[in-house]
Amino acid sequence: MLISQIKGSNGAIVVVVRNDPGTEAKAVKNAGSVYALAMEAANGGKSLVSVIEAHGLGAIVDLDKAYADGLFLPPITHPDAAHLHLTGTGLTHLGSAATRDSMHKKTTEAAEETLTDSMKMFKMGLEGGKPKSGQKGVQPEWFYKGNGYGAAAPGAALVSPSFALDGGEEPEMAGIYVISADGSPFRVGFALSNEFSDHVTERTNYLYLAHSKLRPASFGPEIRIGAAPDDIRGTSKISRGGKVIFEKPFLSGEANMSHTFANLEYHHFKYGLFRIPGDVHVHMFGTATLSFADGIKSEAGDVFEIEVADFGLPLRNPLAVAVEEDVTVRQL
């Protein structure tokens, strides 16, 4: 089942579900929000699908028209945006099947002291990112992107700061989670995400990774409820002036990763800070495909598009650049 949120005519949130891409979409009766439904399920010991079925379905919704009219919201929001956390992890994907063997060879035959920190982290994932049942795997790289104030709705602009050196897409899968009243994390499902980043800043020095990730992100438009497929294949493209200037397939899912989703989830939620009752987490799982790596320099007005057929509507966001701000700290 796919679930999303759009703006209603009266300003309220309309929750929309459909069974599969291409099937009829309907509004969920008296839903309030995806967050409200998810918390009802988490706190009531029920599945989200059963909660939706209990609410019942109402009017048919034209999702394509809603997208064209700019009515989509992020597929989950929190009543207090500061309680929605945008985080992620990198160096988790093996890359394309054609390069996988060479990547293994490079890391296993090279002397440890000649490897960069990134390659060491990647090697750790290859060796310990998929632990056996009952064991804990190696922890991945981890980064913080911001909170709900940095979540851009599908169709809305990803705004690059005036001081940024680059604003580039990262096509990824994101896990969507809520924390129940007793502090237990529950996964709603998975969604497409654009983990928008400043790759020039990151490349300057790996210690700048934290700075490069403090950018907005977009996810959705729909959440696929439940587990993710093992092999996820999609397309990432950039359009400029109505013409496609970059298009490339991307891979995700555990078949194409050096970590299991369960291992990545454990190493995020092992911190009590991330198990605060009522919070929402959008955790992005990394990518192996970047236009930046192919020499593309994004420009204001470019449109990023990420699509995977099994995850519903494509995620589209134009790039915008913020005006420069004069920030001064004043003494109280």
Protein backbone atom coordinates (compact mmCIF):
# COMPACT_ATOMS: atom_id res chain seq x y z
CA MET A 1 0.00 0.00 0.00
CA LEU A 2 1.13 3.55 -0.80
CA ILE A 3 0.24 6.45 1.49
CA SER A 4 0.64 10.20 0.99
CA GLN A 5 -0.58 13.59 2.18
CA ILE A 6 -2.02 16.52 0.23
CA LYS A 7 -3.48 19.88 1.17
CA GLY A 8 -7.25 19.91 1.48
CA SER A 9 -9.49 22.77 0.32
CA ASN A 10 -10.08 23.84 3.92
CA GLY A 11 -6.40 23.78 4.85
CA ALA A 12 -6.62 20.39 6.54
CA ILE A 13 -4.38 17.45 5.66
CA VAL A 14 -5.92 14.82 3.39
CA VAL A 15 -4.38 11.37 3.74
CA VAL A 16 -4.50 9.37 0.50
CA VAL A 17 -3.87 5.66 -0.07
CA ARG A 18 -3.81 3.28 -3.00
CA ASN A 19 -2.86 -0.35 -3.24
CA ASP A 20 -0.29 -0.08 -6.03
CA PRO A 21 1.09 2.47 -8.51
CA GLY A 22 -1.46 3.14 -11.22
CA THR A 23 -4.44 2.08 -9.11
CA GLU A 24 -7.22 4.30 -7.84
CA ALA A 25 -6.34 6.53 -4.89
CA LYS A 26 -8.80 7.42 -2.14
CA ALA A 27 -8.86 9.65 0.91
CA VAL A 28 -8.76 8.00 4.34
CA LYS A 29 -11.76 9.02 6.44
CA ASN A 30 -11.10 11.05 9.60
CA ALA A 31 -7.37 10.41 9.35
CA GLY A 32 -6.04 13.76 10.52
CA SER A 33 -2.58 13.01 9.16
CA VAL A 34 -0.25 10.13 8.36
CA TYR A 35 1.43 10.86 11.68
CA ALA A 36 -1.85 10.47 13.56
CA LEU A 37 -2.57 7.16 11.85
CA ALA A 38 0.94 5.86 12.47
CA MET A 39 0.83 6.80 16.16
CA GLU A 40 -2.60 5.18 16.48
CA ALA A 41 -1.12 1.98 15.09
CA ALA A 42 2.10 2.14 17.13
CA ASN A 43 0.35 2.86 20.43
CA GLY A 44 -2.48 0.43 19.79
CA GLY A 45 -0.39 -2.58 18.84
CA LYS A 46 -1.94 -2.67 15.37
CA SER A 47 -0.64 -2.63 11.82
CA LEU A 48 -0.95 0.64 9.92
CA VAL A 49 -2.93 -1.09 7.16
CA SER A 50 -5.48 -2.37 9.68
CA VAL A 51 -5.86 1.12 11.15
CA ILE A 52 -6.46 2.55 7.67
CA GLU A 53 -9.03 -0.15 6.94
CA ALA A 54 -10.81 0.61 10.22
CA HIS A 55 -11.06 4.31 9.31
CA GLY A 56 -12.39 3.47 5.87
CA LEU A 57 -11.91 5.14 2.50
CA GLY A 58 -13.82 8.04 1.04
CA ALA A 59 -13.52 10.24 -2.03
CA ILE A 60 -11.40 9.36 -5.06
CA VAL A 61 -8.29 11.57 -5.35
CA ASP A 62 -6.51 12.44 -8.61
CA LEU A 63 -2.89 12.32 -7.44
CA ASP A 64 -1.45 13.48 -10.77
CA LYS A 65 -3.61 16.61 -10.68
CA ALA A 66 -2.75 17.22 -7.03
CA TYR A 67 0.94 17.04 -7.95
CA ALA A 68 0.50 19.41 -10.88
CA ASP A 69 -1.41 21.83 -8.63
CA GLY A 70 1.35 21.85 -6.01
CA LEU A 71 -0.82 20.28 -3.31
CA PHE A 72 1.54 17.59 -2.06
CA LEU A 73 2.93 17.75 1.45
CA PRO A 74 5.80 15.58 2.69
CA PRO A 75 4.21 12.14 3.17
CA ILE A 76 4.64 12.44 6.94
CA THR A 77 4.81 15.60 9.03
CA HIS A 78 4.86 16.31 12.75
CA PRO A 79 2.64 18.89 14.47
CA ASP A 80 5.89 20.40 15.81
CA ALA A 81 8.44 20.34 12.98
CA ALA A 82 11.32 20.31 15.47
CA HIS A 83 10.30 16.75 16.38
CA LEU A 84 10.85 15.38 12.87
CA HIS A 85 14.49 14.38 12.39
CA LEU A 86 16.28 14.19 9.04
CA THR A 87 19.34 11.95 9.24
CA GLY A 88 21.27 9.62 7.00
CA THR A 89 24.13 7.24 6.44
CA GLY A 90 26.65 6.90 3.66
CA LEU A 91 29.13 4.40 2.21
CA THR A 92 26.42 1.75 2.30
CA HIS A 93 26.00 0.86 -1.37
CA LEU A 94 28.10 -1.46 -3.49
CA GLY A 95 27.59 0.45 -6.70
CA SER A 96 26.63 -1.13 -9.99
CA ALA A 97 27.01 -4.84 -10.60
CA ALA A 98 29.77 -4.08 -13.13
CA THR A 99 31.98 -2.42 -10.50
CA ARG A 100 31.17 -4.61 -7.52
CA ASP A 101 33.94 -7.17 -8.08
CA SER A 102 36.56 -4.48 -8.66
CA MET A 103 35.47 -2.67 -5.49
CA HIS A 104 35.87 -5.86 -3.48
CA LYS A 105 39.27 -6.51 -5.04
CA LYS A 106 40.46 -2.98 -4.37
CA THR A 107 39.62 -3.08 -0.68
CA THR A 108 40.74 -6.62 0.06
CA GLU A 109 44.10 -6.50 -1.72
CA ALA A 110 45.22 -2.99 -0.82
CA ALA A 111 47.38 -2.49 2.23
CA GLU A 112 45.35 -1.10 5.12
CA GLU A 113 47.59 1.95 5.52
CA THR A 114 47.05 3.00 1.90
CA LEU A 115 43.26 3.19 2.19
CA THR A 116 41.48 6.49 2.71
CA ASP A 117 39.15 6.80 5.68
CA SER A 118 36.21 6.49 3.27
CA MET A 119 37.56 3.27 1.80
CA LYS A 120 38.25 1.90 5.29
CA MET A 121 34.65 2.63 6.25
CA PHE A 122 33.41 1.02 3.05
CA LYS A 123 35.56 -2.06 3.72
CA MET A 124 34.16 -2.30 7.26
CA GLY A 125 30.68 -2.38 5.76
CA LEU A 126 31.62 -5.10 3.30
CA GLU A 127 33.02 -7.23 6.11
CA GLY A 128 30.50 -6.55 8.86
CA GLY A 129 27.44 -4.73 7.55
CA LYS A 130 25.32 -7.84 7.15
CA PRO A 131 25.59 -9.67 10.48
CA LYS A 132 24.23 -13.13 11.15
CA SER A 133 20.97 -13.47 13.06
CA GLY A 134 21.41 -12.49 16.69
CA GLN A 135 24.63 -10.58 16.05
CA LYS A 136 25.26 -6.84 15.75
CA GLY A 137 27.02 -5.58 12.65
CA VAL A 138 29.53 -2.79 12.21
CA GLN A 139 28.20 0.75 12.59
CA PRO A 140 28.08 2.90 9.45
CA GLU A 141 28.97 6.49 8.75
CA TRP A 142 26.16 8.70 10.10
CA PHE A 143 25.14 12.32 9.57
CA TYR A 144 22.51 14.84 10.63
CA LYS A 145 20.64 16.95 8.08
CA GLY A 146 18.16 18.88 10.18
CA ASN A 147 14.56 18.73 11.33
CA GLY A 148 11.13 19.13 9.81
CA TYR A 149 11.81 22.75 8.92
CA GLY A 150 14.24 21.42 6.31
CA ALA A 151 11.79 18.97 4.74
CA ALA A 152 10.81 20.18 1.27
CA ALA A 153 7.51 18.90 -0.07
CA PRO A 154 7.47 16.96 -3.35
CA GLY A 155 7.30 19.58 -6.09
CA ALA A 156 8.67 22.34 -3.84
CA ALA A 157 12.09 23.87 -4.27
CA LEU A 158 15.21 22.55 -2.62
CA VAL A 159 16.78 25.81 -1.49
CA SER A 160 20.56 25.94 -1.47
CA PRO A 161 22.10 28.46 0.95
CA SER A 162 23.74 31.55 -0.56
CA PHE A 163 27.11 30.42 0.83
CA ALA A 164 26.91 26.90 -0.66
CA LEU A 165 29.53 25.85 -3.18
CA ASP A 166 27.23 23.31 -4.82
CA GLY A 167 23.69 21.97 -4.60
CA GLY A 168 23.44 18.44 -5.91
CA GLU A 169 20.98 15.57 -5.73
CA GLU A 170 21.45 12.24 -3.98
CA PRO A 171 18.81 9.69 -5.02
CA GLU A 172 18.18 7.43 -2.03
CA MET A 173 15.69 5.34 -0.14
CA ALA A 174 14.52 6.71 3.20
CA GLY A 175 13.04 4.78 6.08
CA ILE A 176 10.10 6.52 7.78
CA TYR A 177 9.64 5.89 11.53
CA VAL A 178 7.58 6.97 14.51
CA ILE A 179 8.37 6.44 18.19
CA SER A 180 5.52 5.01 20.26
CA ALA A 181 4.49 6.21 23.72
CA ASP A 182 6.73 3.58 25.35
CA GLY A 183 9.81 4.65 23.34
CA SER A 184 9.73 1.85 20.76
CA PRO A 185 10.63 2.71 17.13
CA PHE A 186 8.18 1.57 14.45
CA ARG A 187 8.79 1.69 10.73
CA VAL A 188 5.97 3.12 8.62
CA GLY A 189 7.69 2.13 5.39
CA PHE A 190 10.11 3.41 2.79
CA ALA A 191 10.03 6.38 0.41
CA LEU A 192 12.11 7.88 -2.35
CA SER A 193 14.31 10.70 -1.10
CA ASN A 194 16.59 13.40 -2.42
CA GLU A 195 19.32 13.77 0.18
CA PHE A 196 20.36 17.12 -1.27
CA SER A 197 24.00 17.96 -0.42
CA ASP A 198 26.94 20.29 -1.14
CA HIS A 199 29.46 17.99 -2.78
CA VAL A 200 32.09 20.65 -3.45
CA THR A 201 32.25 21.49 0.24
CA GLU A 202 32.40 17.79 1.11
CA ARG A 203 35.22 17.18 -1.36
CA THR A 204 37.29 20.04 0.08
CA ASN A 205 37.93 18.04 3.24
CA TYR A 206 36.11 15.02 4.60
CA LEU A 207 35.81 16.81 7.95
CA TYR A 208 33.44 19.19 6.13
CA LEU A 209 30.96 16.34 5.58
CA ALA A 210 28.82 17.61 8.48
CA HIS A 211 28.61 21.08 6.92
CA SER A 212 27.81 19.69 3.49
CA LYS A 213 24.81 17.77 4.83
CA LEU A 214 23.12 20.72 6.58
CA ARG A 215 20.81 21.26 3.65
CA PRO A 216 17.10 20.62 3.00
CA ALA A 217 15.89 17.22 1.81
CA SER A 218 12.77 15.98 0.09
CA PHE A 219 11.08 12.59 0.32
CA GLY A 220 7.97 10.95 -1.08
CA PRO A 221 5.59 11.77 -2.65
CA GLU A 222 4.33 8.41 -1.34
CA ILE A 223 5.47 6.05 1.39
CA ARG A 224 5.41 2.37 0.52
CA ILE A 225 4.10 0.75 3.70
CA GLY A 226 6.05 -2.29 4.85
CA ALA A 227 9.42 -3.77 3.96
CA ALA A 228 11.47 -2.64 0.98
CA PRO A 229 12.25 -4.94 -1.97
CA ASP A 230 15.72 -6.48 -1.91
CA ASP A 231 16.53 -5.12 -5.37
CA ILE A 232 15.41 -1.56 -6.05
CA ARG A 233 16.07 -0.07 -9.49
CA GLY A 234 15.22 3.45 -10.45
CA THR A 235 16.25 6.47 -12.47
CA SER A 236 17.74 9.79 -11.43
CA LYS A 237 17.64 12.70 -13.87
CA ILE A 238 18.09 16.45 -14.08
CA SER A 239 16.25 18.74 -16.48
CA ARG A 240 17.31 22.25 -17.43
CA GLY A 241 15.09 24.49 -19.49
CA GLY A 242 12.84 21.52 -20.25
CA LYS A 243 15.70 19.37 -21.56
CA VAL A 244 17.23 16.40 -19.76
CA ILE A 245 20.93 17.08 -19.09
CA PHE A 246 21.58 14.04 -16.89
CA GLU A 247 19.90 10.65 -16.65
CA LYS A 248 21.28 7.56 -14.99
CA PRO A 249 19.93 4.42 -13.31
CA PHE A 250 20.46 3.97 -9.60
CA LEU A 251 20.34 0.87 -7.43
CA SER A 252 19.29 0.37 -3.84
CA GLY A 253 17.86 -2.37 -1.66
CA GLU A 254 19.88 -4.87 0.35
CA ALA A 255 20.95 -6.81 -2.75
CA ASN A 256 22.92 -3.72 -3.76
CA MET A 257 24.12 -2.67 -0.31
CA SER A 258 26.95 -3.59 2.04
CA HIS A 259 24.64 -3.21 5.06
CA THR A 260 21.23 -4.59 5.88
CA PHE A 261 18.48 -2.09 6.61
CA ALA A 262 18.11 -3.74 10.02
CA ASN A 263 21.76 -3.05 10.85
CA LEU A 264 21.48 0.59 9.79
CA GLU A 265 18.26 0.98 11.77
CA TYR A 266 19.82 -0.55 14.89
CA HIS A 267 22.79 1.82 14.80
CA HIS A 268 20.48 4.81 14.55
CA PHE A 269 17.92 3.85 17.15
CA LYS A 270 20.43 2.42 19.66
CA TYR A 271 20.74 6.01 20.88
CA GLY A 272 18.09 6.88 23.45
CA LEU A 273 18.04 10.40 22.01
CA PHE A 274 16.34 8.94 18.93
CA ARG A 275 13.67 7.07 20.87
CA ILE A 276 11.79 10.03 22.31
CA PRO A 277 8.04 9.18 22.37
CA GLY A 278 6.09 10.90 19.62
CA ASP A 279 9.06 11.81 17.43
CA VAL A 280 9.29 11.13 13.69
CA HIS A 281 12.48 10.01 11.94
CA VAL A 282 13.29 10.14 8.24
CA HIS A 283 16.54 8.20 7.84
CA MET A 284 18.21 8.17 4.42
CA PHE A 285 20.23 5.10 3.49
CA GLY A 286 22.81 6.30 0.98
CA THR A 287 23.36 6.12 -2.76
CA ALA A 288 25.82 5.06 -5.44
CA THR A 289 24.71 7.50 -8.15
CA LEU A 290 25.53 11.22 -8.26
CA SER A 291 25.42 13.66 -11.18
CA PHE A 292 28.27 15.52 -9.47
CA ALA A 293 30.51 12.49 -9.99
CA ASP A 294 29.80 12.82 -13.73
CA GLY A 295 30.85 16.47 -13.80
CA ILE A 296 27.38 18.03 -13.70
CA LYS A 297 27.22 21.48 -12.08
CA SER A 298 23.65 22.18 -11.02
CA GLU A 299 22.06 25.59 -11.56
CA ALA A 300 19.08 27.42 -10.11
CA GLY A 301 15.96 26.28 -11.98
CA ASP A 302 17.24 22.76 -12.62
CA VAL A 303 14.66 20.10 -11.79
CA PHE A 304 15.73 16.92 -10.01
CA GLU A 305 13.60 13.83 -10.61
CA ILE A 306 13.95 10.46 -8.88
CA GLU A 307 11.72 7.57 -9.89
CA VAL A 308 11.24 3.93 -8.88
CA ALA A 309 8.14 2.29 -10.31
CA ASP A 310 7.27 0.35 -7.14
CA PHE A 311 7.26 3.50 -5.01
CA GLY A 312 4.58 5.44 -6.84
CA LEU A 313 4.88 8.95 -8.20
CA PRO A 314 8.36 10.29 -9.00
CA LEU A 315 9.97 12.77 -6.61
CA ARG A 316 10.51 16.11 -8.37
CA ASN A 317 12.09 19.24 -6.92
CA PRO A 318 13.48 22.35 -8.60
CA LEU A 319 16.70 23.90 -7.31
CA ALA A 320 16.62 27.42 -5.89
CA VAL A 321 19.31 29.54 -4.24
CA ALA A 322 18.60 31.57 -1.13
CA VAL A 323 19.41 35.27 -0.90
CA GLU A 324 22.40 36.13 1.23
CA GLU A 325 21.65 36.85 4.87
CA ASP A 326 23.64 38.98 7.28
CA VAL A 327 23.78 36.93 10.48
CA THR A 328 25.02 38.75 13.57
CA VAL A 329 25.04 37.45 17.13
CA ARG A 330 24.03 40.13 19.64
CA GLN A 331 24.79 40.17 23.31
CA LEU A 332 21.80 40.08 25.66
